[in-house]
Amino acid sequence: GQARDVRLRFESGRLVEGFLNLRNFGNTTGVPLRPVVGTRSGRGGADLTLYRQPGGWLAQVDQHNLILAVPGLFREPVPIDHIQGRLYWFDSEGLALYSPDLALSSGGLDLGGRFYYREANDGRPGYLGVDAGFEVADTREVPTYLPRHVIGSETLAWLDRALEGEGAQGRVENGHFVFHGDPARAPFTQGGGYFSVVFDFEDVTLPYRPGWPPLTDTSGDMAFVNKQYHVHIDDGQLGELPVGGSRVSIFDLDAPKLEVAVDREESLEAMISTLEKTPLVDASSFDWLSVNGDGRFQLDLLIGLSEGAPPPSVSGRYVFAGNRLSLSDDRLVLNGVTGDLRFTDTRFTADNLEGDFLGRPFRAQVAPREDVQGTRIRAQTR
């Protein structure tokens, strides 16, 4: 780069006051400085105005079209459309940087907040403190900004596939990013710091696993906290099944398993239609059955996200509330069905279903067949 309009005042060989403009300031090939700053054109770096103050420098920056590369943190260089703010650079006791008002825009990302960084020095650990708000106009851009050293490789691979997969879309609003502690100890599973990313999401379509119906038209809020990931869904669809009020969690980002919990009033028809779109059953498994009516649906779904993970598992129950069940040709019709039907994967059980058959009360039990894959239903009436 170049230094222009340089004004420096020394006392006894020590710099006490100064002013200078830096143009195209950046890192050249072979210089082991991190992070690396440059321009999209490749013709220089940042333009800074520096003021010498007691203990350090004040830099003012207001620039467009930069590139920021932080090896080990971001997957690839991050394009910066505009960056503006004040940066305090202290050097009296090792390098320390502070900004009270940094604002940055990059593609669909808008970020603003404050940060403080102090390098490790003479046995003293390093420290990074960030408190920033953000929004993302397109969730497909999120993988570009993920902190690669904080999130496990298996989870990163899944996030890349899910957020950038076919049909993926959505936006992030009201985001808040907090990092507090020694970066070398992140993600702080043994203490020593705190890391969280909390945000609202709107209009999200997430193809979370091949062969399964995606989450669509989804809104809610999400939180990454240290090495855990939790989502509350306000509205959305899984196949034909509304999943508003559901929870989704990953409790260990190094060995990611997606845990989905649903507990809501729902139609039996929507539940069966969605089930047929998963690998758990064949697409025509329930063609013989005609159903209508609502009931209480409770579901716990566990999906491994790593390569080679075991097949997903599902368990839960459906509480009938006066439903109608019949064979598809209406040869057998059950009305006013009540009771609990429990399931684990494709094994169904019920101890005491009740209802009406040909105008008479009936009671039924459901159990999996032991000799072959299937279900046995035993009913009694009088």
Protein backbone atom coordinates (compact mmCIF):
# COMPACT_ATOMS: atom_id res chain seq x y z
CA GLY A 1 0.00 0.00 0.00
CA GLN A 2 0.84 3.66 0.13
CA ALA A 3 1.06 6.17 2.98
CA ARG A 4 0.06 9.75 2.21
CA ASP A 5 -0.06 13.03 4.13
CA VAL A 6 2.10 11.64 6.93
CA ARG A 7 2.42 13.80 10.05
CA LEU A 8 4.32 12.33 13.00
CA ARG A 9 5.70 13.87 16.21
CA PHE A 10 8.32 12.12 18.32
CA GLU A 11 9.57 12.84 21.81
CA SER A 12 12.87 11.23 22.84
CA GLY A 13 12.55 8.77 19.98
CA ARG A 14 8.99 7.81 20.92
CA LEU A 15 5.99 8.43 18.68
CA VAL A 16 3.41 10.44 20.64
CA GLU A 17 1.19 11.98 17.95
CA GLY A 18 0.52 11.25 14.33
CA PHE A 19 -1.75 11.26 11.33
CA LEU A 20 -1.57 9.42 8.01
CA ASN A 21 -3.70 8.13 5.18
CA LEU A 22 -3.16 4.57 4.00
CA ARG A 23 -4.27 3.64 0.49
CA ASN A 24 -4.62 0.08 -0.82
CA PHE A 25 -3.36 -1.31 2.47
CA GLY A 26 -3.34 -5.11 2.44
CA ASN A 27 -1.26 -8.25 2.55
CA THR A 28 0.89 -9.43 -0.32
CA THR A 29 1.53 -13.02 -1.27
CA GLY A 30 4.02 -14.68 1.06
CA VAL A 31 3.50 -12.31 3.98
CA PRO A 32 2.25 -14.44 6.92
CA LEU A 33 -0.35 -11.96 8.17
CA ARG A 34 -3.89 -13.00 9.07
CA PRO A 35 -6.52 -11.94 8.27
CA VAL A 36 -5.86 -11.11 4.62
CA VAL A 37 -7.54 -7.98 3.25
CA GLY A 38 -7.78 -7.04 -0.41
CA THR A 39 -10.13 -5.61 -3.03
CA ARG A 40 -12.29 -7.49 -5.49
CA SER A 41 -10.29 -6.00 -8.34
CA GLY A 42 -7.06 -7.40 -6.89
CA ARG A 43 -5.44 -3.96 -7.07
CA GLY A 44 -4.86 -3.24 -3.41
CA GLY A 45 -6.55 -3.36 -0.05
CA ALA A 46 -8.22 -1.16 2.53
CA ASP A 47 -8.12 2.64 2.65
CA LEU A 48 -7.62 3.85 6.23
CA THR A 49 -7.19 7.17 7.98
CA LEU A 50 -5.04 6.67 11.09
CA TYR A 51 -4.71 8.95 14.10
CA ARG A 52 -2.03 8.31 16.73
CA GLN A 53 -3.37 8.43 20.29
CA PRO A 54 -1.83 7.57 23.66
CA GLY A 55 -1.31 3.81 23.65
CA GLY A 56 -2.31 3.20 20.06
CA TRP A 57 -4.09 4.33 16.91
CA LEU A 58 -7.60 5.25 15.84
CA ALA A 59 -8.52 4.12 12.33
CA GLN A 60 -11.56 5.35 10.43
CA VAL A 61 -12.75 3.23 7.53
CA ASP A 62 -15.51 3.77 4.97
CA GLN A 63 -14.96 1.59 1.94
CA HIS A 64 -16.68 -0.57 -0.65
CA ASN A 65 -15.79 -3.80 -2.48
CA LEU A 66 -13.25 -5.46 -0.19
CA ILE A 67 -12.34 -9.12 0.25
CA LEU A 68 -11.67 -10.60 3.72
CA ALA A 69 -9.97 -13.99 4.10
CA VAL A 70 -9.52 -15.58 7.53
CA PRO A 71 -8.06 -19.07 7.01
CA GLY A 72 -9.48 -21.59 9.45
CA LEU A 73 -12.49 -19.38 10.28
CA PHE A 74 -14.39 -18.95 7.01
CA ARG A 75 -14.69 -21.56 4.27
CA GLU A 76 -13.74 -19.07 1.55
CA PRO A 77 -12.90 -15.36 1.25
CA VAL A 78 -15.85 -13.16 2.23
CA PRO A 79 -16.81 -10.33 -0.13
CA ILE A 80 -17.52 -7.08 1.71
CA ASP A 81 -19.77 -4.68 -0.18
CA HIS A 82 -19.37 -1.89 2.38
CA ILE A 83 -17.63 -1.49 5.72
CA GLN A 84 -17.78 1.61 7.91
CA GLY A 85 -16.78 2.48 11.44
CA ARG A 86 -14.02 3.31 13.90
CA LEU A 87 -11.26 0.90 14.86
CA TYR A 88 -9.01 1.46 17.88
CA TRP A 89 -5.62 -0.26 17.66
CA PHE A 90 -3.73 -0.49 20.96
CA ASP A 91 -0.10 -1.61 21.01
CA SER A 92 1.26 -0.66 24.43
CA GLU A 93 0.87 -4.20 25.91
CA GLY A 94 0.55 -6.39 22.86
CA LEU A 95 -1.89 -6.02 20.01
CA ALA A 96 -5.51 -5.19 20.88
CA LEU A 97 -8.31 -4.02 18.58
CA TYR A 98 -11.63 -2.43 19.49
CA SER A 99 -14.54 -1.06 17.49
CA PRO A 100 -17.66 0.44 19.08
CA ASP A 101 -19.65 0.91 15.87
CA LEU A 102 -18.56 -1.34 13.01
CA ALA A 103 -21.17 -1.78 10.24
CA LEU A 104 -20.72 -4.26 7.40
CA SER A 105 -22.76 -5.44 4.43
CA SER A 106 -21.87 -8.50 2.37
CA GLY A 107 -24.25 -9.89 -0.22
CA GLY A 108 -27.48 -10.52 1.67
CA LEU A 109 -25.81 -10.07 5.08
CA ASP A 110 -26.14 -6.83 7.06
CA LEU A 111 -24.21 -6.73 10.34
CA GLY A 112 -23.54 -4.05 12.92
CA GLY A 113 -22.16 -4.01 16.43
CA ARG A 114 -19.02 -3.80 18.52
CA PHE A 115 -16.03 -6.05 19.12
CA TYR A 116 -12.82 -6.26 21.12
CA TYR A 117 -9.84 -8.48 20.34
CA ARG A 118 -6.65 -8.97 22.38
CA GLU A 119 -3.89 -11.31 21.23
CA ALA A 120 -2.31 -13.84 23.57
CA ASN A 121 0.85 -12.36 25.13
CA ASP A 122 3.39 -13.50 27.75
CA GLY A 123 1.26 -16.34 29.05
CA ARG A 124 -1.93 -14.29 29.05
CA PRO A 125 -4.68 -15.92 26.96
CA GLY A 126 -6.17 -14.19 23.98
CA TYR A 127 -9.66 -12.74 24.11
CA LEU A 128 -12.40 -11.98 21.60
CA GLY A 129 -15.63 -10.22 22.50
CA VAL A 130 -18.34 -9.65 19.87
CA ASP A 131 -21.85 -8.30 20.34
CA ALA A 132 -23.53 -7.73 16.99
CA GLY A 133 -26.91 -7.76 15.29
CA PHE A 134 -27.45 -9.12 11.80
CA GLU A 135 -29.94 -10.03 9.08
CA VAL A 136 -29.58 -12.31 6.04
CA ALA A 137 -31.82 -11.80 3.02
CA ASP A 138 -31.15 -15.29 1.59
CA THR A 139 -30.42 -18.29 3.82
CA ARG A 140 -28.51 -19.98 0.98
CA GLU A 141 -25.68 -17.52 1.72
CA VAL A 142 -25.39 -18.54 5.40
CA PRO A 143 -22.67 -21.23 4.91
CA THR A 144 -20.28 -18.52 3.69
CA TYR A 145 -20.30 -16.88 7.13
CA LEU A 146 -20.29 -19.93 9.42
CA PRO A 147 -17.34 -20.08 11.88
CA ARG A 148 -15.71 -23.27 10.60
CA HIS A 149 -13.56 -23.92 13.71
CA VAL A 150 -16.51 -23.72 16.13
CA ILE A 151 -18.95 -26.11 14.40
CA GLY A 152 -18.08 -29.78 13.86
CA SER A 153 -17.22 -30.95 10.34
CA GLU A 154 -20.19 -33.34 10.13
CA THR A 155 -22.62 -30.58 11.11
CA LEU A 156 -21.00 -28.17 8.66
CA ALA A 157 -21.39 -30.69 5.85
CA TRP A 158 -25.08 -31.14 6.73
CA LEU A 159 -25.68 -27.37 6.95
CA ASP A 160 -24.05 -26.92 3.53
CA ARG A 161 -26.31 -29.59 2.01
CA ALA A 162 -29.49 -28.44 3.74
CA LEU A 163 -29.10 -24.68 3.29
CA GLU A 164 -27.84 -24.84 -0.30
CA GLY A 165 -29.85 -27.87 -1.49
CA GLU A 166 -32.46 -27.95 -4.22
CA GLY A 167 -35.45 -25.81 -3.30
CA ALA A 168 -33.78 -24.27 -0.23
CA GLN A 169 -34.81 -20.71 0.56
CA GLY A 170 -35.60 -18.33 3.40
CA ARG A 171 -34.42 -15.25 5.24
CA VAL A 172 -33.02 -14.43 8.67
CA GLU A 173 -34.20 -11.49 10.78
CA ASN A 174 -33.44 -10.03 14.22
CA GLY A 175 -30.16 -11.95 14.49
CA HIS A 176 -27.85 -11.51 17.48
CA PHE A 177 -24.27 -12.87 17.61
CA VAL A 178 -22.32 -13.05 20.91
CA PHE A 179 -18.78 -14.37 21.39
CA HIS A 180 -17.01 -13.98 24.73
CA GLY A 181 -13.73 -15.70 25.62
CA ASP A 182 -10.42 -17.04 24.36
CA PRO A 183 -10.86 -18.08 20.68
CA ALA A 184 -8.42 -20.95 21.25
CA ARG A 185 -10.90 -22.53 23.71
CA ALA A 186 -13.98 -22.26 21.49
CA PRO A 187 -16.59 -23.76 21.45
CA PHE A 188 -16.28 -23.65 25.28
CA THR A 189 -17.63 -27.09 26.14
CA GLN A 190 -15.23 -27.06 29.11
CA GLY A 191 -16.05 -23.48 30.14
CA GLY A 192 -13.89 -20.42 29.64
CA GLY A 193 -16.27 -18.53 27.38
CA TYR A 194 -19.63 -18.27 25.66
CA PHE A 195 -20.77 -18.40 22.05
CA SER A 196 -24.31 -17.94 20.74
CA VAL A 197 -26.11 -17.07 17.53
CA VAL A 198 -29.84 -16.38 17.93
CA PHE A 199 -32.20 -15.29 15.15
CA ASP A 200 -35.72 -15.43 13.71
CA PHE A 201 -36.30 -17.10 10.35
CA GLU A 202 -39.09 -16.62 7.82
CA ASP A 203 -40.35 -18.44 4.70
CA VAL A 204 -37.73 -21.19 5.03
CA THR A 205 -37.68 -24.34 2.90
CA LEU A 206 -35.16 -26.84 4.28
CA PRO A 207 -34.31 -30.12 2.46
CA TYR A 208 -32.83 -31.58 5.64
CA ARG A 209 -32.38 -35.19 4.41
CA PRO A 210 -32.58 -36.87 0.97
CA GLY A 211 -35.67 -39.03 0.57
CA TRP A 212 -37.66 -37.17 3.24
CA PRO A 213 -40.22 -34.41 2.60
CA PRO A 214 -38.61 -31.01 3.24
CA LEU A 215 -39.74 -28.48 5.80
CA THR A 216 -41.62 -25.78 3.85
CA ASP A 217 -43.09 -22.33 4.54
CA THR A 218 -41.39 -22.44 7.92
CA SER A 219 -41.00 -19.60 10.42
CA GLY A 220 -39.73 -19.53 13.97
CA ASP A 221 -36.57 -18.86 15.95
CA MET A 222 -33.22 -20.63 16.19
CA ALA A 223 -30.30 -20.62 18.61
CA PHE A 224 -26.73 -21.95 18.37
CA VAL A 225 -25.32 -22.03 21.91
CA ASN A 226 -21.74 -23.32 22.24
CA LYS A 227 -22.11 -26.79 20.65
CA GLN A 228 -25.91 -27.12 20.66
CA TYR A 229 -28.55 -26.09 18.15
CA HIS A 230 -32.22 -25.54 19.01
CA VAL A 231 -35.17 -24.47 16.86
CA HIS A 232 -38.74 -23.57 17.77
CA ILE A 233 -41.09 -23.70 14.78
CA ASP A 234 -44.04 -21.29 14.88
CA ASP A 235 -45.47 -22.27 11.48
CA GLY A 236 -44.51 -24.72 8.77
CA GLN A 237 -45.25 -27.94 6.93
CA LEU A 238 -43.56 -31.35 6.88
CA GLY A 239 -45.08 -32.88 3.78
CA GLU A 240 -48.81 -32.34 4.36
CA LEU A 241 -48.41 -32.25 8.13
CA PRO A 242 -48.47 -28.81 9.84
CA VAL A 243 -45.67 -28.69 12.43
CA GLY A 244 -46.24 -25.33 14.13
CA GLY A 245 -45.28 -25.52 17.81
CA SER A 246 -42.65 -28.19 17.18
CA ARG A 247 -39.05 -28.28 18.43
CA VAL A 248 -35.90 -29.33 16.57
CA SER A 249 -32.55 -29.84 18.32
CA ILE A 250 -28.97 -30.99 17.78
CA PHE A 251 -27.33 -31.52 21.16
CA ASP A 252 -23.78 -32.20 19.94
CA LEU A 253 -22.49 -30.45 16.83
CA ASP A 254 -19.55 -32.89 16.59
CA ALA A 255 -21.86 -35.93 16.30
CA PRO A 256 -25.01 -34.37 14.87
CA LYS A 257 -28.40 -36.03 15.29
CA LEU A 258 -31.52 -34.09 14.41
CA GLU A 259 -34.17 -34.54 17.11
CA VAL A 260 -37.69 -33.42 16.18
CA ALA A 261 -40.53 -33.24 18.72
CA VAL A 262 -44.14 -32.62 17.62
CA ASP A 263 -47.14 -32.38 19.97
CA ARG A 264 -50.30 -30.90 18.44
CA GLU A 265 -53.89 -31.48 17.32
CA GLU A 266 -53.75 -32.82 13.77
CA SER A 267 -55.78 -34.68 11.17
CA LEU A 268 -55.11 -38.38 10.86
CA GLU A 269 -55.21 -38.09 7.07
CA ALA A 270 -52.35 -35.54 6.99
CA MET A 271 -50.27 -37.72 9.32
CA ILE A 272 -50.68 -40.84 7.15
CA SER A 273 -50.06 -38.93 3.90
CA THR A 274 -46.80 -37.50 5.27
CA LEU A 275 -45.69 -40.86 6.65
CA GLU A 276 -46.09 -42.40 3.17
CA LYS A 277 -43.63 -39.82 1.77
CA THR A 278 -40.84 -41.01 4.07
CA PRO A 279 -38.64 -44.12 3.76
CA LEU A 280 -40.31 -45.56 6.88
CA VAL A 281 -43.16 -47.14 4.89
CA ASP A 282 -44.00 -47.84 1.26
CA ALA A 283 -45.87 -45.13 -0.60
CA SER A 284 -48.95 -47.39 -0.91
CA SER A 285 -48.88 -48.87 2.59
CA PHE A 286 -52.18 -47.28 3.64
CA ASP A 287 -54.08 -47.38 0.35
CA TRP A 288 -56.53 -49.84 1.91
CA LEU A 289 -57.49 -47.38 4.67
CA SER A 290 -59.75 -44.33 4.55
CA VAL A 291 -59.66 -41.95 7.53
CA ASN A 292 -60.98 -38.58 8.67
CA GLY A 293 -61.13 -36.52 11.84
CA ASP A 294 -58.58 -34.87 14.10
CA GLY A 295 -56.70 -36.12 17.15
CA ARG A 296 -53.67 -35.47 19.33
CA PHE A 297 -50.44 -36.30 17.50
CA GLN A 298 -47.18 -36.73 19.42
CA LEU A 299 -43.97 -37.54 17.55
CA ASP A 300 -40.30 -37.98 18.43
CA LEU A 301 -38.07 -38.30 15.36
CA LEU A 302 -34.30 -38.95 15.46
CA ILE A 303 -32.28 -38.50 12.26
CA GLY A 304 -28.51 -39.03 12.12
CA LEU A 305 -26.84 -36.41 9.92
CA SER A 306 -23.37 -37.93 9.56
CA GLU A 307 -22.32 -39.99 6.55
CA GLY A 308 -23.12 -43.65 7.27
CA ALA A 309 -25.48 -42.82 10.13
CA PRO A 310 -28.08 -45.51 11.00
CA PRO A 311 -31.60 -45.17 9.56
CA PRO A 312 -33.85 -42.59 11.21
CA SER A 313 -36.06 -43.77 14.05
CA VAL A 314 -39.51 -42.52 14.99
CA SER A 315 -41.81 -43.04 17.94
CA GLY A 316 -44.94 -41.46 19.33
CA ARG A 317 -48.67 -41.84 19.64
CA TYR A 318 -51.95 -40.70 18.13
CA VAL A 319 -54.93 -40.07 20.42
CA PHE A 320 -58.15 -40.71 18.50
CA ALA A 321 -60.96 -38.25 19.26
CA GLY A 322 -64.04 -39.67 17.57
CA ASN A 323 -62.39 -40.43 14.21
CA ARG A 324 -63.90 -42.42 11.34
CA LEU A 325 -61.88 -45.36 9.96
CA SER A 326 -62.91 -47.57 7.05
CA LEU A 327 -61.61 -49.84 4.37
CA SER A 328 -61.18 -47.97 1.10
CA ASP A 329 -64.29 -49.69 -0.33
CA ASP A 330 -66.34 -49.02 2.84
CA ARG A 331 -66.94 -52.72 3.49
CA LEU A 332 -65.85 -52.10 7.09
CA VAL A 333 -66.63 -48.78 8.78
CA LEU A 334 -65.68 -47.78 12.34
CA ASN A 335 -67.16 -44.57 13.73
CA GLY A 336 -66.39 -42.50 16.82
CA VAL A 337 -63.03 -44.17 17.42
CA THR A 338 -61.27 -43.14 20.66
CA GLY A 339 -58.14 -44.32 22.44
CA ASP A 340 -54.34 -44.23 22.06
CA LEU A 341 -52.39 -45.76 19.15
CA ARG A 342 -48.65 -45.96 19.92
CA PHE A 343 -45.92 -46.56 17.36
CA THR A 344 -42.18 -47.21 17.17
CA ASP A 345 -40.92 -47.04 13.59
CA THR A 346 -43.48 -49.33 11.82
CA ARG A 347 -44.63 -51.26 14.92
CA PHE A 348 -48.08 -50.20 16.12
CA THR A 349 -49.72 -51.05 19.46
CA ALA A 350 -52.97 -50.15 21.19
CA ASP A 351 -54.56 -51.72 24.28
CA ASN A 352 -58.03 -50.26 24.32
CA LEU A 353 -59.48 -48.62 21.21
CA GLU A 354 -63.24 -48.07 21.35
CA GLY A 355 -65.90 -46.95 18.92
CA ASP A 356 -69.02 -47.92 17.00
CA PHE A 357 -69.41 -50.75 14.45
CA LEU A 358 -72.79 -51.30 12.75
CA GLY A 359 -74.48 -49.37 15.51
CA ARG A 360 -72.90 -51.42 18.28
CA PRO A 361 -69.94 -50.57 20.56
CA PHE A 362 -66.66 -52.33 19.91
CA ARG A 363 -63.28 -52.63 21.60
CA ALA A 364 -60.01 -53.38 19.78
CA GLN A 365 -56.35 -54.13 20.45
CA VAL A 366 -53.46 -53.55 18.04
CA ALA A 367 -50.11 -55.37 18.19
CA PRO A 368 -47.22 -56.08 15.79
CA ARG A 369 -47.09 -59.55 14.28
CA GLU A 370 -44.22 -61.63 15.58
CA ASP A 371 -43.77 -64.02 12.63
CA VAL A 372 -43.72 -61.51 9.76
CA GLN A 373 -43.63 -57.76 9.37
CA GLY A 374 -47.15 -56.49 9.83
CA THR A 375 -49.84 -55.57 12.32
CA ARG A 376 -52.62 -57.66 13.91
CA ILE A 377 -55.88 -55.99 14.92
CA ARG A 378 -58.25 -57.86 17.22
CA ALA A 379 -61.73 -56.44 17.82
CA GLN A 380 -64.71 -57.52 19.91
CA THR A 381 -68.35 -56.41 19.64
CA ARG A 382 -71.73 -57.73 20.69
